[in-house]
Protein backbone atom coordinates (compact mmCIF):
# COMPACT_ATOMS: atom_id res chain seq x y z
CA MET A 1 -17.67 60.56 -53.29
CA GLY A 2 -14.77 61.09 -50.95
CA LYS A 3 -11.13 62.87 -51.55
CA ARG A 4 -9.38 62.01 -54.27
CA ALA A 5 -5.90 60.39 -53.57
CA ILE A 6 -3.01 62.14 -55.18
CA VAL A 7 -1.46 59.29 -57.18
CA PHE A 8 2.44 59.23 -58.06
CA ASN A 9 2.36 55.30 -59.42
CA PRO A 10 4.71 53.99 -61.86
CA GLY A 11 1.63 52.69 -64.00
CA PRO A 12 -0.99 52.14 -64.07
CA ALA A 13 -0.97 55.73 -63.78
CA MET A 14 -3.27 58.58 -62.86
CA LEU A 15 -5.84 59.66 -65.50
CA PRO A 16 -6.85 63.42 -66.06
CA ARG A 17 -10.03 63.84 -63.76
CA PRO A 18 -11.71 65.69 -67.20
CA VAL A 19 -11.22 61.96 -68.73
CA LEU A 20 -12.80 59.86 -65.50
CA GLU A 21 -15.41 62.11 -65.49
CA ARG A 22 -15.96 61.67 -69.23
CA VAL A 23 -15.77 58.06 -68.58
CA GLN A 24 -18.46 58.33 -65.66
CA SER A 25 -20.73 60.19 -67.91
CA GLU A 26 -20.85 57.95 -70.91
CA MET A 27 -20.64 54.65 -69.19
CA LEU A 28 -23.70 53.32 -69.15
CA ASP A 29 -25.30 55.26 -72.81
CA PHE A 30 -22.42 55.92 -75.46
CA ALA A 31 -23.51 58.61 -77.83
CA GLY A 32 -27.28 57.94 -77.28
CA THR A 33 -27.31 54.55 -78.30
CA GLY A 34 -28.00 53.38 -75.18
CA MET A 35 -25.74 51.23 -74.85
CA SER A 36 -21.95 51.36 -72.73
CA LEU A 37 -19.01 50.89 -75.47
CA MET A 38 -17.89 48.28 -73.94
CA GLU A 39 -20.88 46.50 -74.99
CA MET A 40 -20.87 47.25 -79.17
CA SER A 41 -19.32 45.89 -81.55
CA HIS A 42 -15.83 46.86 -82.13
CA ARG A 43 -17.05 46.91 -86.21
CA SER A 44 -20.00 49.12 -85.19
CA LYS A 45 -20.19 52.77 -86.64
CA GLN A 46 -19.31 54.06 -83.28
CA PHE A 47 -16.66 52.44 -82.41
CA GLU A 48 -15.19 52.74 -86.14
CA GLY A 49 -15.36 56.79 -85.01
CA VAL A 50 -13.87 56.47 -81.55
CA LEU A 51 -11.19 54.51 -83.26
CA ASN A 52 -10.27 57.16 -85.83
CA ASP A 53 -10.82 60.23 -83.50
CA ALA A 54 -7.62 58.26 -81.10
CA VAL A 55 -5.68 57.79 -84.38
CA SER A 56 -5.95 61.52 -85.74
CA ARG A 57 -5.31 63.16 -82.52
CA ILE A 58 -2.04 60.90 -81.97
CA LYS A 59 -1.04 62.13 -85.48
CA ARG A 60 -1.60 65.84 -85.02
CA LEU A 61 -0.12 65.56 -81.75
CA LEU A 62 3.20 64.07 -82.48
CA ARG A 63 3.40 65.53 -86.02
CA LEU A 64 3.46 62.28 -87.60
CA ASP A 65 3.08 62.59 -91.80
CA GLU A 66 1.42 60.04 -93.86
CA ARG A 67 4.25 57.64 -93.83
CA TYR A 68 3.52 56.78 -90.24
CA HIS A 69 0.96 54.29 -88.88
CA VAL A 70 -0.90 54.23 -85.70
CA LEU A 71 -1.98 50.60 -84.00
CA PHE A 72 -3.17 49.79 -80.91
CA LEU A 73 -2.26 46.41 -80.21
CA GLN A 74 -1.97 44.29 -76.78
CA GLY A 75 0.79 42.36 -74.84
CA GLY A 76 2.40 45.83 -73.49
CA ALA A 77 5.94 46.97 -74.59
CA SER A 78 6.70 43.20 -73.08
CA LEU A 79 5.83 41.85 -75.93
CA GLN A 80 7.18 44.31 -78.42
CA PHE A 81 10.63 43.65 -77.20
CA ALA A 82 10.13 40.47 -79.18
CA MET A 83 8.13 41.49 -82.32
CA VAL A 84 10.43 44.38 -83.30
CA PRO A 85 13.44 42.03 -83.94
CA MET A 86 10.78 39.52 -85.69
CA ASN A 87 9.52 42.32 -88.08
CA LEU A 88 12.77 44.88 -88.45
CA ALA A 89 16.04 42.58 -87.68
CA GLN A 90 17.36 42.15 -91.12
CA ASP A 91 19.38 39.24 -92.13
CA GLY A 92 23.32 39.70 -91.85
CA LYS A 93 22.52 43.21 -89.91
CA LEU A 94 22.99 43.44 -86.64
CA ALA A 95 20.08 44.15 -84.13
CA ALA A 96 21.79 47.72 -82.16
CA TYR A 97 20.67 48.42 -78.59
CA VAL A 98 21.67 51.23 -75.69
CA ASP A 99 21.44 49.32 -72.29
CA THR A 100 20.13 52.17 -70.06
CA GLY A 101 18.51 49.76 -67.03
CA SER A 102 16.20 47.02 -66.80
CA TRP A 103 13.72 47.68 -69.82
CA ALA A 104 16.14 48.27 -72.01
CA SER A 105 18.18 44.95 -71.05
CA LYS A 106 15.08 42.71 -71.40
CA ALA A 107 14.20 44.08 -75.18
CA ALA A 108 18.06 43.35 -75.85
CA LYS A 109 17.70 40.11 -74.32
CA GLU A 110 14.80 39.15 -76.10
CA ALA A 111 15.84 40.04 -79.97
CA ARG A 112 19.03 37.32 -78.27
CA LEU A 113 16.48 34.74 -77.22
CA LEU A 114 15.13 34.83 -80.96
CA GLY A 115 18.46 34.44 -82.42
CA LYS A 116 19.52 37.92 -84.05
CA ASP A 117 22.87 39.24 -83.81
CA VAL A 118 22.36 41.80 -80.60
CA MET A 119 25.06 44.65 -80.32
CA LEU A 120 25.25 46.51 -77.46
CA ALA A 121 26.13 49.91 -78.99
CA ALA A 122 26.33 51.59 -75.28
CA THR A 123 25.50 50.83 -71.76
CA SER A 124 25.20 52.62 -68.45
CA SER A 125 25.45 49.70 -65.75
CA ASP A 126 29.22 50.98 -64.93
CA ARG A 127 27.74 53.58 -62.87
CA ASN A 128 24.85 51.77 -61.50
CA TYR A 129 22.49 53.28 -64.82
CA THR A 130 22.70 56.82 -63.44
CA TYR A 131 23.09 58.33 -66.54
CA ILE A 132 22.22 58.25 -70.35
CA PRO A 133 25.40 57.46 -72.59
CA LYS A 134 26.44 60.36 -74.65
CA ASN A 135 28.41 60.07 -78.26
CA ILE A 136 26.60 56.44 -79.42
CA PRO A 137 28.93 54.92 -81.92
CA ILE A 138 26.75 54.00 -84.84
CA ASN A 139 27.52 50.41 -86.62
CA PRO A 140 26.46 51.06 -90.24
CA ASP A 141 25.70 47.74 -90.39
CA ALA A 142 22.89 47.68 -88.08
CA SER A 143 18.91 47.50 -88.86
CA TYR A 144 18.11 49.29 -86.35
CA LEU A 145 19.39 51.45 -82.89
CA HIS A 146 16.71 50.66 -80.00
CA ILE A 147 16.62 53.51 -77.00
CA THR A 148 14.49 52.91 -74.00
CA THR A 149 13.44 56.83 -73.74
CA ASN A 150 12.62 57.15 -70.10
CA ASN A 151 14.04 54.89 -67.52
CA THR A 152 10.97 53.98 -64.85
CA ILE A 153 13.47 52.30 -62.23
CA ARG A 154 16.39 54.22 -62.46
CA GLY A 155 14.79 57.75 -63.15
CA THR A 156 17.14 58.80 -66.22
CA GLN A 157 15.65 59.72 -69.56
CA TRP A 158 17.27 60.91 -73.10
CA HIS A 159 16.65 64.45 -73.66
CA PHE A 160 18.52 64.60 -76.67
CA PHE A 161 18.40 61.17 -78.98
CA PRO A 162 21.21 59.76 -80.50
CA GLU A 163 21.74 60.92 -84.52
CA SER A 164 21.60 57.60 -86.59
CA GLY A 165 22.25 58.53 -89.52
CA ASP A 166 20.35 56.35 -91.83
CA ILE A 167 19.80 53.73 -89.33
CA PRO A 168 16.27 53.76 -87.71
CA LEU A 169 15.47 54.54 -84.48
CA VAL A 170 13.62 52.18 -82.58
CA SER A 171 12.12 53.49 -79.20
CA ASP A 172 10.37 52.10 -76.12
CA MET A 173 8.32 55.53 -75.28
CA SER A 174 5.82 53.98 -72.94
CA SER A 175 6.54 56.82 -69.77
CA ASP A 176 7.30 59.12 -71.68
CA ILE A 177 5.63 58.91 -74.87
CA PHE A 178 2.93 62.33 -74.91
CA SER A 179 4.77 64.64 -72.48
CA ARG A 180 6.81 66.99 -74.77
CA VAL A 181 7.68 67.77 -78.34
CA PHE A 182 10.49 65.96 -80.35
CA ASP A 183 10.63 65.06 -84.27
CA PRO A 184 9.62 61.93 -84.89
CA VAL A 185 11.32 61.52 -88.53
CA PRO A 186 14.62 59.72 -87.46
CA PHE A 187 12.18 56.64 -85.71
CA GLY A 188 11.47 53.94 -87.71
CA LEU A 189 9.18 52.45 -84.99
CA MET A 190 7.94 53.70 -81.58
CA TYR A 191 6.11 52.03 -79.21
CA ALA A 192 4.54 52.68 -75.57
CA GLY A 193 2.08 50.89 -73.13
CA ALA A 194 -0.70 53.21 -72.65
CA GLN A 195 -0.81 52.95 -68.82
CA LYS A 196 1.83 55.82 -67.26
CA ASN A 197 0.56 59.07 -70.18
CA ALA A 198 -1.83 57.83 -72.25
CA GLY A 199 -4.42 55.50 -70.86
CA PRO A 200 -5.25 52.96 -69.21
CA ALA A 201 -3.61 49.64 -68.89
CA GLY A 202 -4.38 46.67 -71.61
CA VAL A 203 -3.39 48.48 -74.81
CA THR A 204 -0.34 49.06 -76.25
CA ILE A 205 0.51 52.08 -79.25
CA VAL A 206 2.63 51.04 -81.60
CA ILE A 207 3.46 53.61 -84.58
CA VAL A 208 5.47 52.29 -88.06
CA ARG A 209 7.29 53.61 -90.62
CA GLU A 210 5.63 52.41 -93.85
CA ASP A 211 9.37 51.48 -95.05
CA MET A 212 10.09 49.33 -91.76
CA LEU A 213 6.41 47.05 -93.37
CA GLU A 214 8.90 45.66 -95.54
CA ARG A 215 11.35 43.95 -93.92
CA THR A 216 8.72 41.67 -92.03
CA PRO A 217 10.03 37.89 -93.22
CA GLU A 218 6.91 35.88 -94.12
CA HIS A 219 7.08 33.25 -91.34
CA VAL A 220 6.91 35.78 -88.89
CA PRO A 221 2.95 34.90 -87.52
CA THR A 222 0.25 36.44 -88.38
CA MET A 223 -0.66 38.13 -85.09
CA LEU A 224 2.88 38.99 -84.53
CA LYS A 225 3.03 40.99 -87.84
CA TYR A 226 2.97 44.72 -87.59
CA SER A 227 1.94 44.62 -91.18
CA THR A 228 -1.52 42.47 -90.35
CA PHE A 229 -2.67 45.42 -88.24
CA THR A 230 -1.61 48.48 -90.70
CA GLU A 231 -4.00 46.35 -93.45
CA THR A 232 -6.59 46.04 -90.94
CA HIS A 233 -6.83 49.45 -88.88
CA SER A 234 -5.83 47.53 -85.85
CA LEU A 235 -9.22 45.49 -86.34
CA TYR A 236 -7.63 42.08 -87.67
CA ASN A 237 -9.07 40.59 -84.66
CA THR A 238 -11.38 41.93 -81.37
CA PRO A 239 -9.21 45.13 -80.14
CA PRO A 240 -9.31 46.76 -76.65
CA CYS A 241 -11.92 48.72 -77.06
CA PHE A 242 -12.38 50.49 -74.05
CA ALA A 243 -8.86 51.20 -73.81
CA ILE A 244 -9.11 52.41 -77.06
CA TYR A 245 -11.53 54.63 -76.08
CA VAL A 246 -10.22 55.96 -72.83
CA VAL A 247 -6.76 56.59 -74.83
CA GLY A 248 -8.65 58.56 -77.24
CA LEU A 249 -10.10 61.03 -74.58
CA VAL A 250 -6.47 61.78 -73.17
CA MET A 251 -5.41 62.57 -76.42
CA GLN A 252 -9.04 64.74 -76.59
CA TRP A 253 -7.69 66.52 -72.97
CA LEU A 254 -4.06 66.91 -74.15
CA GLU A 255 -5.11 68.98 -77.65
CA GLU A 256 -8.27 70.78 -75.81
CA ASN A 257 -7.37 71.30 -72.03
CA ILE A 258 -3.53 71.43 -72.23
CA GLY A 259 -3.07 73.09 -75.43
CA GLY A 260 -1.02 70.34 -77.23
CA LEU A 261 2.42 69.12 -76.40
CA GLU A 262 4.05 72.30 -76.09
CA ASN A 263 2.11 73.42 -73.75
CA MET A 264 2.20 69.65 -71.66
CA GLU A 265 6.38 69.90 -72.10
CA ASP A 266 6.26 73.25 -69.97
CA LEU A 267 4.37 71.46 -67.17
CA ASN A 268 6.25 68.69 -67.09
CA ARG A 269 9.51 70.52 -66.76
CA ARG A 270 7.72 72.91 -64.12
CA LYS A 271 7.16 70.08 -62.30
CA ALA A 272 10.57 68.11 -62.08
CA ASN A 273 12.04 71.42 -61.55
CA LEU A 274 10.10 71.72 -58.14
CA ILE A 275 11.02 68.60 -57.22
CA TYR A 276 14.58 68.39 -58.31
CA ASP A 277 15.26 72.20 -56.88
CA TYR A 278 14.15 70.68 -53.53
CA LEU A 279 15.95 67.74 -53.19
CA ASP A 280 19.21 69.86 -54.69
CA GLU A 281 19.01 72.41 -51.74
CA GLN A 282 18.89 70.04 -48.88
CA ASN A 283 20.87 67.19 -47.35
CA PHE A 284 18.22 64.47 -45.96
CA TYR A 285 16.98 62.93 -49.45
CA HIS A 286 19.43 62.19 -52.18
CA ASN A 287 18.80 62.36 -56.09
CA PRO A 288 21.64 59.49 -57.17
CA VAL A 289 20.92 60.27 -60.86
CA GLU A 290 23.37 62.70 -62.44
CA ALA A 291 21.88 66.44 -63.53
CA ASP A 292 21.80 66.25 -66.93
CA SER A 293 19.85 62.46 -67.27
CA ARG A 294 17.58 63.54 -64.72
CA SER A 295 13.70 61.99 -65.82
CA TRP A 296 11.19 64.08 -65.80
CA MET A 297 8.65 61.49 -65.11
CA ASN A 298 10.30 59.43 -62.55
CA VAL A 299 11.65 61.23 -59.49
CA VAL A 300 14.03 58.39 -57.50
CA PHE A 301 14.86 59.73 -54.22
CA ARG A 302 17.14 57.78 -51.23
CA LEU A 303 16.51 58.51 -47.83
CA PRO A 304 19.46 58.37 -44.56
CA THR A 305 18.38 54.82 -43.91
CA PRO A 306 15.75 52.30 -45.25
CA GLU A 307 13.12 52.45 -42.18
CA LEU A 308 12.75 55.99 -42.93
CA GLU A 309 11.99 55.40 -46.66
CA GLN A 310 8.95 53.00 -44.87
CA ASP A 311 8.05 55.70 -42.45
CA CYS A 312 8.32 58.10 -45.13
CA ILE A 313 6.29 56.39 -47.72
CA GLN A 314 3.87 55.08 -45.16
CA GLU A 315 2.83 58.67 -44.06
CA ALA A 316 3.09 59.54 -47.42
CA ASN A 317 -0.04 56.82 -47.98
CA GLN A 318 -1.92 58.34 -44.96
CA ALA A 319 -1.58 62.23 -46.39
CA GLY A 320 -3.38 60.57 -49.70
CA LEU A 321 -0.26 60.72 -51.37
CA VAL A 322 0.05 57.67 -52.86
CA GLY A 323 2.37 55.57 -55.00
CA LEU A 324 5.65 56.59 -53.59
CA LYS A 325 7.68 53.21 -53.04
CA GLY A 326 10.78 52.62 -55.14
CA HIS A 327 10.24 49.93 -57.76
CA ARG A 328 10.93 46.40 -55.70
CA SER A 329 14.64 46.28 -57.45
CA VAL A 330 16.49 49.26 -56.30
CA GLY A 331 14.03 50.33 -52.97
CA GLY A 332 13.93 53.84 -52.03
CA CYS A 333 11.24 56.36 -53.09
CA ARG A 334 10.07 57.29 -56.53
CA ALA A 335 7.47 59.78 -57.32
CA SER A 336 6.11 59.22 -60.93
CA LEU A 337 5.00 62.95 -62.65
CA TYR A 338 2.87 61.78 -65.68
CA ASN A 339 0.91 64.15 -67.66
CA ALA A 340 -1.71 63.78 -65.33
CA VAL A 341 0.00 64.39 -61.95
CA ASP A 342 -1.19 68.44 -62.22
CA VAL A 343 1.79 71.38 -60.25
CA LYS A 344 -0.40 71.62 -57.69
CA ALA A 345 -0.42 67.52 -57.35
CA VAL A 346 3.52 68.24 -56.75
CA GLU A 347 3.99 71.39 -54.66
CA THR A 348 1.98 69.46 -52.06
CA LEU A 349 4.49 66.45 -52.35
CA VAL A 350 7.31 68.91 -51.48
CA ASP A 351 5.62 70.57 -48.84
CA PHE A 352 5.01 66.74 -47.43
CA MET A 353 8.79 66.02 -47.67
CA ARG A 354 9.85 69.38 -46.48
CA ASP A 355 7.77 68.60 -43.35
CA PHE A 356 8.82 65.28 -43.26
CA ALA A 357 12.78 66.27 -43.03
CA ARG A 358 11.94 68.73 -40.64
CA LYS A 359 10.26 66.65 -38.16
CA ARG A 360 13.13 63.54 -38.38
CA SER A 361 16.53 64.85 -39.44
């Protein structure tokens, strides 16, 4: 096999090498069955073991108590934009959202499309989504308060979650779940597309607290009810078996190779500091995000001209540093530093950026 690229893609993103090697070794014969996991029944004891192991590891890593159900669904985080208000928005109450960028805006839009009474609790649109709002007002008539914990396009992240009292938090954690330690107790529901920090594209992790299930109206279609999947252990229909298997291996890597989320958080903080310290010490590159809202997962930066940005991305690709192009809606450059991107990879990126600046400034 040739030299592997260093992948800074925003998603699908880099996977841990030990996970890829394990998948490779078990591709044709999983656990001595003579079958690939992709060929066996989702009702088999072998897959049941895979599913149970993934759930157990997620619960341990996130320190979830017995009230929480871990579900594996399909449709990405985008389907959750609709499922959340369908299941959790209560009659006569508001659905509160904090708008911190594109994905948060889309989540609120879906709730409006469903006829829900949406309240915008706060927004950072006034400064082009370059910060996370503080002191969020909590409306006692809200069914829930929805936040997007990390904003991949704009490069902002919640480092302290709002105190919502008796109002449950609901969160899109697609791009920073399993990246750090946090208290799950205030959250009624968390969801995440797996393709950034948890596994391959094709499965969505949903973590729902038991009391939230009582809110779902009877008229919600069966496949869009969370209770359908809590009652069947994510096996109401054929789930994305292979993606769940890889998620389980990533959880094993986090537990056994990294040593848990405390160590993962330390590594992620170190990686982010490496690149932000460099960005702050020079004036060729510019990071537009307010310092206390900077994402550890997605570092956005601009160069003096769009032409230089294109040259930087192209030369980085040639050097084996792929995925640095910013989102099409905002342009610029972006380095996604998800869990599988190690410290050495970030050091290599900073060395490249320093050399490119020296040649072009």
